[in-house]
Amino acid sequence: MASVIGHSEIKAFAEERVNLPRAVAQRHRDQVNALRARLERKIDADPNYGLVKMLHSGSVAKGTALSDVHDLDTAVYVKAVEAPSTSDRQLVPWLADRLYEASTNMGRDQFVENEHSVTVKFKGSGLDVDVVPVLYEGDANDVGYPVRRRDGKRVRTSIPLHLRFIRERKAKYGSGFAELIRLTTGPQLPRDAHARTLREPQSGVRRCCLTLIWRVQQRGARSDGPVPGGQVT
């Protein structure tokens, strides 16, 4: 017998399997804010430090994080004239040293150098904070130049504009907008036999969510009825 996936089923699935609890998200933000406060103190105390600011840039900052998030994305703006090179081969180790200088209660081994970023490992919470260097030339809206991971090229971007894009759409469409992003960017699907078909890319929850996104975009309204094509046998 077919069962219908409607809004209440999707909401329950999201709350149980997908969403990062608000209290956990706040602890993650607090971790990033503590690191940012250390950097700000160092920047204020040393004009030659070479760093400008840190911005929280990932899904936790946007309010779209999944329940299994274990690392936090941030960006540190680097004065372009102070950077040792535009190549991350030299820039990443330099950034790791600068971050270590600002964190007197952490060991240098907690600042792990990756190809295009530095991972700050917090022993107490077990969280990782990924820090991407952004070359900054003083442009408005914090426009800077991070490296695109897939090809190593520098791209022009603005983290505040990214965050504003999400905030404006959350304000327009309500909290369901962020929920739809979470549901369609990789929900942790159940493993029980009852929900096997939910793992199929073109069926179940994922198709329902895509249909709901279409409704939000095209009509700007919510429906309390079942979603067409959202039946699971």
Foldseek 3Di string as FASTA:
>chain_A
DKDFDFDVNLVVLCVVFWAADPVVLVVVVVVVVVLQVLLVVVVVVDVLLFWDGKAFFDCSLLRQHTNPDQETEMEIEGAQVNAPDPALVRRQVSVLVSSCVSDVVDDSVQFDGDRFWTWRADPPVRGIYTYGYWYDHPDPLRWTWTADVVPRGTDTDHRSVVSVVSVVVCVQLPPVVSSLSRQQPDTPDDDDPVCPVCPDCCAAPNVQSVQQVCCCVPPVDDDRDTGPRHMDD
